[in-house]
Every structure is written in C-alpha cells, then in structure tokens.
Amino acid sequence: MNTKIDWHYHLSGRNVKKDVLNLTEYLRTMDEVYVMASYFPENGSGLSNYNLYYHLKDIEKTKLYLSLDFEHYFFQGFNEMVSILEEDPSKIIGIKIYTGYQNIDFSKDVNNKFSNELEMVLELARKYNLYIMFHTGYLKGNKEMFNPKDIEDVININSDINFILAHLSNPYDLELIQLLNMYDNLYTDISGLVDKRKEIADTIKYVQNIYKKVDDKSKFLFGTDYPMQNHETTLNFV
C-alpha cells in the first residue's frame, strides 16, 4: 500500500492554534505531513523554528523542515536549528531555503567549495541525513523568478545529499526535466501549482509535459503548499 505523505505544508504564524487544528484534521486522511514555517524574520512575520517545533513536537505523523534567513540572522537561525536537531533529530525531515526571496551566494571556488554559510548548511544536512528543499519558479511580489539551473552546481557537487525543487519549478519546465533526468539525488514537488496567473488547463499541460519526460516517476512528490493551496484543491488538480 502506498504511503500518503504531504511533503510541503506550512504553518503561517497568523493563527497558529487554528493552523494546528486544521493540521490535526488533515492528519486523519494522511500517513505523514512534513511541515515548515512561513519564515520571513526580516519582515517580522512568519514563525520561528522554535515556535514551529514547540507547537508540533508532540503531534504524531508530522516531521519538520527548519528554515534559515541567509541575509539578516543567519548564525542565530543556524544555532537554533542545531539546538533543535540535537534535542530531537528524528522529528526533522529537512531544511527549507527560500531561494529567490533571499540573496544567496551559490558561486563556488577552485576547490568546489561554496560560501561559508552554505557549506555549514550542507554539512548539517549531511550529518543528520536531511533533505534540502529550495523554492523555485514564481515568486510573490515584484521579485524575479528563480531558475533551478542556478543551483545545479550545489546538486552536482553534493551527490550524497537529497534535494527537492519546490513547485515543479514553474515555469522552468525544460530546466526541471533536464535536471531531474540528470541527477539521482534530485526530486520535485507538485505543491502550489493552482494559480490565478494560469488557466487550470494550461497548468495541467505543464505538469503532464514534465511527468511524461522524466524517466523516474518516483521523483514527483505530493505537496499542497497549505494554506496557499489546500488538500482538496490539490487532489482535484491531480
């Protein structure tokens, strides 16, 4: 029997108690849900990793992504992640990096090493066998879209770490297909694809095109991107 997992689910921080109640109801229909905070500390919004862990640590069938602000509070956030991992490593499934929303240096030196901050995150993922998820594709506001090709070096050099490109990298279908077929350590999720910017038929065609052209179908992970997109909407879309 297939295991039903939502790989991409948020607690927004606006009404955490309500979010937790909704999550508890959702868990009646799922085997596991992997939850991340909407993490924008530079805007004074979202949820910290500690708050996320505090609210969900005793809720079974949930695991957490921890998040980082690379621009403003990196070392504070990193130490927070380490503390949670040392206390309860089995509760953590991965690290979510908000690529595109934050300016992150992905250049490498002659020794194939990245910035000190990024290397710290990679080593932490390696130590605790964590996934690293990157936001890819469309961004809210007036920011430019994030192309998954911009992190190809990270995926290629760190073949012992599993990476997830969120949201099917919409609209970078050609780039996503190439990357998924090239790297065994790379996955993508179908979260947050029902969008007012596109007709639903166009979005379905986008997904079908990628699905047909990627050899390993196990690389496609189910995810909702709740509260941006709910379970029912996502299932209807699928």
C-alpha atoms as a PDB file:
ATOM      1  CA  MET A   1       0.000   0.000   0.000  1.00  0.00           C
ATOM      2  CA  ASN A   2       1.297   3.473  -0.864  1.00  0.00           C
ATOM      3  CA  THR A   3       2.169   5.838   1.972  1.00  0.00           C
ATOM      4  CA  LYS A   4       0.253   9.131   1.774  1.00  0.00           C
ATOM      5  CA  ILE A   5       2.659  11.981   2.530  1.00  0.00           C
ATOM      6  CA  ASP A   6       2.272  15.730   2.079  1.00  0.00           C
ATOM      7  CA  TRP A   7       5.828  16.933   1.533  1.00  0.00           C
ATOM      8  CA  HIS A   8       5.057  20.670   1.542  1.00  0.00           C
ATOM      9  CA  TYR A   9       2.783  22.156   4.217  1.00  0.00           C
ATOM     10  CA  HIS A  10       3.094  25.493   6.050  1.00  0.00           C
ATOM     11  CA  LEU A  11       2.163  26.931   9.401  1.00  0.00           C
ATOM     12  CA  SER A  12       1.691  30.619   8.652  1.00  0.00           C
ATOM     13  CA  GLY A  13       2.050  32.141  12.110  1.00  0.00           C
ATOM     14  CA  ARG A  14      -1.069  34.299  11.705  1.00  0.00           C
ATOM     15  CA  ASN A  15      -3.246  31.993  13.804  1.00  0.00           C
ATOM     16  CA  VAL A  16      -1.120  29.082  14.966  1.00  0.00           C
ATOM     17  CA  LYS A  17      -3.805  27.410  17.083  1.00  0.00           C
ATOM     18  CA  LYS A  18      -6.211  27.357  14.140  1.00  0.00           C
ATOM     19  CA  ASP A  19      -3.449  26.088  11.846  1.00  0.00           C
ATOM     20  CA  VAL A  20      -2.645  23.262  14.269  1.00  0.00           C
ATOM     21  CA  LEU A  21      -6.332  22.275  14.475  1.00  0.00           C
ATOM     22  CA  ASN A  22      -6.553  22.204  10.675  1.00  0.00           C
ATOM     23  CA  LEU A  23      -3.396  20.119  10.542  1.00  0.00           C
ATOM     24  CA  THR A  24      -4.786  17.671  13.119  1.00  0.00           C
ATOM     25  CA  GLU A  25      -7.902  17.188  10.990  1.00  0.00           C
ATOM     26  CA  TYR A  26      -5.793  16.766   7.863  1.00  0.00           C
ATOM     27  CA  LEU A  27      -3.715  14.059   9.543  1.00  0.00           C
ATOM     28  CA  ARG A  28      -6.821  11.875   9.712  1.00  0.00           C
ATOM     29  CA  THR A  29      -6.500  11.439   5.941  1.00  0.00           C
ATOM     30  CA  MET A  30      -2.684  11.289   5.633  1.00  0.00           C
ATOM     31  CA  ASP A  31       0.060   8.983   6.890  1.00  0.00           C
ATOM     32  CA  GLU A  32       2.553  11.822   7.341  1.00  0.00           C
ATOM     33  CA  VAL A  33       2.730  15.587   6.811  1.00  0.00           C
ATOM     34  CA  TYR A  34       6.028  17.461   6.523  1.00  0.00           C
ATOM     35  CA  VAL A  35       5.586  20.989   7.871  1.00  0.00           C
ATOM     36  CA  MET A  36       7.611  24.174   7.502  1.00  0.00           C
ATOM     37  CA  ALA A  37       7.199  27.679   8.840  1.00  0.00           C
ATOM     38  CA  SER A  38       6.417  30.622   6.603  1.00  0.00           C
ATOM     39  CA  TYR A  39       9.787  32.030   7.563  1.00  0.00           C
ATOM     40  CA  PHE A  40      10.444  35.711   6.860  1.00  0.00           C
ATOM     41  CA  PRO A  41      12.091  37.064  10.034  1.00  0.00           C
ATOM     42  CA  GLU A  42      13.412  40.144   8.208  1.00  0.00           C
ATOM     43  CA  ASN A  43       9.763  41.234   7.777  1.00  0.00           C
ATOM     44  CA  GLY A  44       8.843  40.428  11.352  1.00  0.00           C
ATOM     45  CA  SER A  45       6.421  37.801  10.106  1.00  0.00           C
ATOM     46  CA  GLY A  46       6.113  34.052   9.937  1.00  0.00           C
ATOM     47  CA  LEU A  47       7.088  31.522  12.545  1.00  0.00           C
ATOM     48  CA  SER A  48      10.463  30.794  14.079  1.00  0.00           C
ATOM     49  CA  ASN A  49      11.878  27.275  14.065  1.00  0.00           C
ATOM     50  CA  TYR A  50      11.486  27.100  17.843  1.00  0.00           C
ATOM     51  CA  ASN A  51       7.810  28.046  17.627  1.00  0.00           C
ATOM     52  CA  LEU A  52       7.245  25.514  14.861  1.00  0.00           C
ATOM     53  CA  TYR A  53       8.915  22.799  16.906  1.00  0.00           C
ATOM     54  CA  TYR A  54       7.101  23.790  20.121  1.00  0.00           C
ATOM     55  CA  HIS A  55       3.651  23.519  18.521  1.00  0.00           C
ATOM     56  CA  LEU A  56       4.261  20.259  16.644  1.00  0.00           C
ATOM     57  CA  LYS A  57       6.816  18.297  18.664  1.00  0.00           C
ATOM     58  CA  ASP A  58       4.151  16.082  20.270  1.00  0.00           C
ATOM     59  CA  ILE A  59       1.887  15.721  17.229  1.00  0.00           C
ATOM     60  CA  GLU A  60       2.458  12.319  15.695  1.00  0.00           C
ATOM     61  CA  LYS A  61       2.813  11.765  11.957  1.00  0.00           C
ATOM     62  CA  THR A  62       4.403  15.183  11.479  1.00  0.00           C
ATOM     63  CA  LYS A  63       8.006  15.999  10.654  1.00  0.00           C
ATOM     64  CA  LEU A  64       9.513  19.434  10.210  1.00  0.00           C
ATOM     65  CA  TYR A  65      11.610  21.443   7.803  1.00  0.00           C
ATOM     66  CA  LEU A  66      13.785  24.022   9.518  1.00  0.00           C
ATOM     67  CA  SER A  67      14.402  27.338   7.741  1.00  0.00           C
ATOM     68  CA  LEU A  68      17.095  29.989   7.539  1.00  0.00           C
ATOM     69  CA  ASP A  69      17.397  33.683   6.749  1.00  0.00           C
ATOM     70  CA  PHE A  70      20.671  33.939   4.851  1.00  0.00           C
ATOM     71  CA  GLU A  71      20.647  37.747   4.704  1.00  0.00           C
ATOM     72  CA  HIS A  72      19.981  39.006   8.214  1.00  0.00           C
ATOM     73  CA  TYR A  73      20.044  36.427  11.012  1.00  0.00           C
ATOM     74  CA  PHE A  74      21.975  33.505   9.582  1.00  0.00           C
ATOM     75  CA  PHE A  75      24.082  32.475  12.575  1.00  0.00           C
ATOM     76  CA  GLN A  76      21.240  32.985  15.039  1.00  0.00           C
ATOM     77  CA  GLY A  77      18.986  30.824  12.866  1.00  0.00           C
ATOM     78  CA  PHE A  78      21.671  28.220  12.283  1.00  0.00           C
ATOM     79  CA  ASN A  79      22.356  27.826  16.019  1.00  0.00           C
ATOM     80  CA  GLU A  80      18.614  27.481  16.576  1.00  0.00           C
ATOM     81  CA  MET A  81      18.492  24.677  14.005  1.00  0.00           C
ATOM     82  CA  VAL A  82      21.440  22.886  15.614  1.00  0.00           C
ATOM     83  CA  SER A  83      19.783  23.037  19.041  1.00  0.00           C
ATOM     84  CA  ILE A  84      16.557  21.506  17.730  1.00  0.00           C
ATOM     85  CA  LEU A  85      18.422  18.799  15.825  1.00  0.00           C
ATOM     86  CA  GLU A  86      20.490  17.887  18.878  1.00  0.00           C
ATOM     87  CA  GLU A  87      17.337  17.649  21.014  1.00  0.00           C
ATOM     88  CA  ASP A  88      15.075  15.757  18.590  1.00  0.00           C
ATOM     89  CA  PRO A  89      16.769  14.708  15.316  1.00  0.00           C
ATOM     90  CA  SER A  90      14.067  12.181  14.340  1.00  0.00           C
ATOM     91  CA  LYS A  91      11.463  14.993  14.170  1.00  0.00           C
ATOM     92  CA  ILE A  92      13.301  16.871  11.402  1.00  0.00           C
ATOM     93  CA  ILE A  93      12.970  15.855   7.741  1.00  0.00           C
ATOM     94  CA  GLY A  94      14.857  18.674   6.058  1.00  0.00           C
ATOM     95  CA  ILE A  95      15.900  22.293   5.615  1.00  0.00           C
ATOM     96  CA  LYS A  96      13.843  24.742   3.524  1.00  0.00           C
ATOM     97  CA  ILE A  97      15.775  27.520   1.770  1.00  0.00           C
ATOM     98  CA  TYR A  98      13.731  30.431   0.424  1.00  0.00           C
ATOM     99  CA  THR A  99      15.717  30.904  -2.767  1.00  0.00           C
ATOM    100  CA  GLY A 100      14.682  33.967  -4.754  1.00  0.00           C
ATOM    101  CA  TYR A 101      13.213  35.664  -1.719  1.00  0.00           C
ATOM    102  CA  GLN A 102      16.711  35.943  -0.242  1.00  0.00           C
ATOM    103  CA  ASN A 103      20.022  36.788  -1.898  1.00  0.00           C
ATOM    104  CA  ILE A 104      22.199  33.693  -1.504  1.00  0.00           C
ATOM    105  CA  ASP A 105      25.671  33.234  -2.960  1.00  0.00           C
ATOM    106  CA  PHE A 106      25.816  29.996  -4.992  1.00  0.00           C
ATOM    107  CA  SER A 107      29.199  30.611  -6.589  1.00  0.00           C
ATOM    108  CA  LYS A 108      31.987  28.105  -5.918  1.00  0.00           C
ATOM    109  CA  ASP A 109      35.760  28.462  -5.629  1.00  0.00           C
ATOM    110  CA  VAL A 110      38.505  26.475  -7.389  1.00  0.00           C
ATOM    111  CA  ASN A 111      38.114  23.722  -4.772  1.00  0.00           C
ATOM    112  CA  ASN A 112      34.379  23.370  -5.498  1.00  0.00           C
ATOM    113  CA  LYS A 113      33.522  24.948  -2.151  1.00  0.00           C
ATOM    114  CA  PHE A 114      30.653  27.379  -1.672  1.00  0.00           C
ATOM    115  CA  SER A 115      30.251  30.264   0.782  1.00  0.00           C
ATOM    116  CA  ASN A 116      30.907  29.517   4.436  1.00  0.00           C
ATOM    117  CA  GLU A 117      27.188  29.818   5.269  1.00  0.00           C
ATOM    118  CA  LEU A 118      26.069  27.455   2.526  1.00  0.00           C
ATOM    119  CA  GLU A 119      28.771  24.918   3.397  1.00  0.00           C
ATOM    120  CA  MET A 120      27.556  24.962   7.013  1.00  0.00           C
ATOM    121  CA  VAL A 121      24.033  24.109   5.867  1.00  0.00           C
ATOM    122  CA  LEU A 122      25.247  21.358   3.544  1.00  0.00           C
ATOM    123  CA  GLU A 123      27.315  19.785   6.309  1.00  0.00           C
ATOM    124  CA  LEU A 124      24.371  19.893   8.711  1.00  0.00           C
ATOM    125  CA  ALA A 125      22.153  18.169   6.131  1.00  0.00           C
ATOM    126  CA  ARG A 126      24.854  15.572   5.583  1.00  0.00           C
ATOM    127  CA  LYS A 127      25.310  14.932   9.308  1.00  0.00           C
ATOM    128  CA  TYR A 128      21.598  14.403  10.017  1.00  0.00           C
ATOM    129  CA  ASN A 129      20.634  12.910   6.632  1.00  0.00           C
ATOM    130  CA  LEU A 130      18.255  15.776   5.824  1.00  0.00           C
ATOM    131  CA  TYR A 131      16.617  16.813   2.568  1.00  0.00           C
ATOM    132  CA  ILE A 132      17.299  20.349   1.372  1.00  0.00           C
ATOM    133  CA  MET A 133      14.306  21.981  -0.317  1.00  0.00           C
ATOM    134  CA  PHE A 134      14.700  25.078  -2.494  1.00  0.00           C
ATOM    135  CA  HIS A 135      11.889  27.401  -3.533  1.00  0.00           C
ATOM    136  CA  THR A 136      11.978  27.560  -7.349  1.00  0.00           C
ATOM    137  CA  GLY A 137       9.934  29.275 -10.046  1.00  0.00           C
ATOM    138  CA  TYR A 138       7.415  32.043  -9.407  1.00  0.00           C
ATOM    139  CA  LEU A 139       7.829  34.460  -6.509  1.00  0.00           C
ATOM    140  CA  LYS A 140       5.319  36.730  -4.827  1.00  0.00           C
ATOM    141  CA  GLY A 141       5.596  40.453  -5.380  1.00  0.00           C
ATOM    142  CA  ASN A 142       7.892  42.043  -7.924  1.00  0.00           C
ATOM    143  CA  LYS A 143      10.830  39.694  -7.446  1.00  0.00           C
ATOM    144  CA  GLU A 144      12.305  37.838 -10.403  1.00  0.00           C
ATOM    145  CA  MET A 145      11.530  34.138 -10.805  1.00  0.00           C
ATOM    146  CA  PHE A 146      14.129  31.672  -9.517  1.00  0.00           C
ATOM    147  CA  ASN A 147      15.635  29.348 -12.136  1.00  0.00           C
ATOM    148  CA  PRO A 148      16.623  25.889 -10.762  1.00  0.00           C
ATOM    149  CA  LYS A 149      19.665  25.872 -13.045  1.00  0.00           C
ATOM    150  CA  ASP A 150      21.175  28.468 -10.706  1.00  0.00           C
ATOM    151  CA  ILE A 151      21.706  25.764  -8.072  1.00  0.00           C
ATOM    152  CA  GLU A 152      22.841  22.954 -10.358  1.00  0.00           C
ATOM    153  CA  ASP A 153      26.405  23.119  -9.043  1.00  0.00           C
ATOM    154  CA  VAL A 154      25.142  22.563  -5.490  1.00  0.00           C
ATOM    155  CA  ILE A 155      23.184  19.476  -6.572  1.00  0.00           C
ATOM    156  CA  ASN A 156      26.010  18.106  -8.692  1.00  0.00           C
ATOM    157  CA  ILE A 157      28.841  18.533  -6.196  1.00  0.00           C
ATOM    158  CA  ASN A 158      26.829  17.256  -3.205  1.00  0.00           C
ATOM    159  CA  SER A 159      25.607  13.947  -4.607  1.00  0.00           C
ATOM    160  CA  ASP A 160      25.321  12.470  -1.088  1.00  0.00           C
ATOM    161  CA  ILE A 161      22.537  14.928  -0.164  1.00  0.00           C
ATOM    162  CA  ASN A 162      18.963  14.696  -1.470  1.00  0.00           C
ATOM    163  CA  PHE A 163      17.484  17.944  -2.825  1.00  0.00           C
ATOM    164  CA  ILE A 164      13.893  18.962  -3.611  1.00  0.00           C
ATOM    165  CA  LEU A 165      12.926  21.676  -6.108  1.00  0.00           C
ATOM    166  CA  ALA A 166       9.562  23.011  -4.915  1.00  0.00           C
ATOM    167  CA  HIS A 167       6.538  23.824  -7.104  1.00  0.00           C
ATOM    168  CA  LEU A 168       7.780  21.901 -10.190  1.00  0.00           C
ATOM    169  CA  SER A 169       9.991  24.964 -10.764  1.00  0.00           C
ATOM    170  CA  ASN A 170       7.029  26.544 -12.563  1.00  0.00           C
ATOM    171  CA  PRO A 171       7.527  27.931 -15.271  1.00  0.00           C
ATOM    172  CA  TYR A 172      11.010  26.399 -15.836  1.00  0.00           C
ATOM    173  CA  ASP A 173       9.808  23.072 -17.250  1.00  0.00           C
ATOM    174  CA  LEU A 174      12.694  22.456 -19.662  1.00  0.00           C
ATOM    175  CA  GLU A 175      15.299  23.138 -16.993  1.00  0.00           C
ATOM    176  CA  LEU A 176      13.498  20.944 -14.465  1.00  0.00           C
ATOM    177  CA  ILE A 177      13.180  17.999 -16.858  1.00  0.00           C
ATOM    178  CA  GLN A 178      16.880  18.164 -17.664  1.00  0.00           C
ATOM    179  CA  LEU A 179      17.920  18.323 -14.017  1.00  0.00           C
ATOM    180  CA  LEU A 180      15.609  15.537 -12.817  1.00  0.00           C
ATOM    181  CA  ASN A 181      16.860  13.183 -15.524  1.00  0.00           C
ATOM    182  CA  MET A 182      20.473  14.057 -14.823  1.00  0.00           C
ATOM    183  CA  TYR A 183      20.745  13.807 -11.016  1.00  0.00           C
ATOM    184  CA  ASP A 184      19.745  10.802  -8.905  1.00  0.00           C
ATOM    185  CA  ASN A 185      19.705  12.930  -5.739  1.00  0.00           C
ATOM    186  CA  LEU A 186      17.082  15.384  -7.025  1.00  0.00           C
ATOM    187  CA  TYR A 187      13.288  15.434  -6.540  1.00  0.00           C
ATOM    188  CA  THR A 188      10.458  17.896  -7.098  1.00  0.00           C
ATOM    189  CA  ASP A 189       7.034  18.502  -5.555  1.00  0.00           C
ATOM    190  CA  ILE A 190       3.701  19.449  -7.119  1.00  0.00           C
ATOM    191  CA  SER A 191       2.734  21.963  -4.424  1.00  0.00           C
ATOM    192  CA  GLY A 192       1.156  25.352  -5.029  1.00  0.00           C
ATOM    193  CA  LEU A 193       0.554  24.984  -8.760  1.00  0.00           C
ATOM    194  CA  VAL A 194      -3.108  26.072  -8.930  1.00  0.00           C
ATOM    195  CA  ASP A 195      -2.553  29.764  -9.524  1.00  0.00           C
ATOM    196  CA  LYS A 196      -4.580  32.729 -10.782  1.00  0.00           C
ATOM    197  CA  ARG A 197      -1.755  33.572 -13.190  1.00  0.00           C
ATOM    198  CA  LYS A 198      -2.556  30.498 -15.288  1.00  0.00           C
ATOM    199  CA  GLU A 199      -5.664  28.757 -16.538  1.00  0.00           C
ATOM    200  CA  ILE A 200      -6.030  25.344 -14.888  1.00  0.00           C
ATOM    201  CA  ALA A 201      -5.859  23.608 -18.275  1.00  0.00           C
ATOM    202  CA  ASP A 202      -2.516  25.279 -19.002  1.00  0.00           C
ATOM    203  CA  THR A 203      -1.170  24.194 -15.633  1.00  0.00           C
ATOM    204  CA  ILE A 204      -2.284  20.606 -16.219  1.00  0.00           C
ATOM    205  CA  LYS A 205      -0.489  20.618 -19.579  1.00  0.00           C
ATOM    206  CA  TYR A 206       2.615  21.964 -17.862  1.00  0.00           C
ATOM    207  CA  VAL A 207       2.595  19.115 -15.344  1.00  0.00           C
ATOM    208  CA  GLN A 208       1.795  16.427 -17.914  1.00  0.00           C
ATOM    209  CA  ASN A 209       4.664  17.548 -20.128  1.00  0.00           C
ATOM    210  CA  ILE A 210       7.165  17.242 -17.281  1.00  0.00           C
ATOM    211  CA  TYR A 211       5.735  13.961 -15.999  1.00  0.00           C
ATOM    212  CA  LYS A 212       5.957  12.303 -19.412  1.00  0.00           C
ATOM    213  CA  LYS A 213       9.549  13.399 -19.991  1.00  0.00           C
ATOM    214  CA  VAL A 214      11.057  12.478 -16.620  1.00  0.00           C
ATOM    215  CA  ASP A 215      12.216   8.861 -16.553  1.00  0.00           C
ATOM    216  CA  ASP A 216      11.891   8.167 -12.817  1.00  0.00           C
ATOM    217  CA  LYS A 217       8.314   8.883 -11.694  1.00  0.00           C
ATOM    218  CA  SER A 218       9.267   8.454  -8.020  1.00  0.00           C
ATOM    219  CA  LYS A 219      10.912  11.890  -8.255  1.00  0.00           C
ATOM    220  CA  PHE A 220       7.462  13.533  -8.083  1.00  0.00           C
ATOM    221  CA  LEU A 221       6.366  14.239  -4.504  1.00  0.00           C
ATOM    222  CA  PHE A 222       2.843  15.147  -3.398  1.00  0.00           C
ATOM    223  CA  GLY A 223       2.542  18.513  -1.640  1.00  0.00           C
ATOM    224  CA  THR A 224      -0.172  21.112  -1.092  1.00  0.00           C
ATOM    225  CA  ASP A 225       1.625  24.332  -0.066  1.00  0.00           C
ATOM    226  CA  TYR A 226      -1.138  24.870   2.526  1.00  0.00           C
ATOM    227  CA  PRO A 227      -2.505  27.492   3.238  1.00  0.00           C
ATOM    228  CA  MET A 228      -1.732  28.802  -0.274  1.00  0.00           C
ATOM    229  CA  GLN A 229      -3.399  25.685  -1.675  1.00  0.00           C
ATOM    230  CA  ASN A 230      -5.457  23.173   0.290  1.00  0.00           C
ATOM    231  CA  HIS A 231      -5.696  19.393   0.180  1.00  0.00           C
ATOM    232  CA  GLU A 232      -8.983  19.227  -1.733  1.00  0.00           C
ATOM    233  CA  THR A 233      -7.787  21.652  -4.423  1.00  0.00           C
ATOM    234  CA  THR A 234      -4.563  19.735  -4.852  1.00  0.00           C
ATOM    235  CA  LEU A 235      -6.289  16.354  -5.106  1.00  0.00           C
ATOM    236  CA  ASN A 236      -8.776  17.692  -7.656  1.00  0.00           C
ATOM    237  CA  PHE A 237      -5.891  19.065  -9.664  1.00  0.00           C
ATOM    238  CA  VAL A 238      -4.039  15.737  -9.556  1.00  0.00           C
END
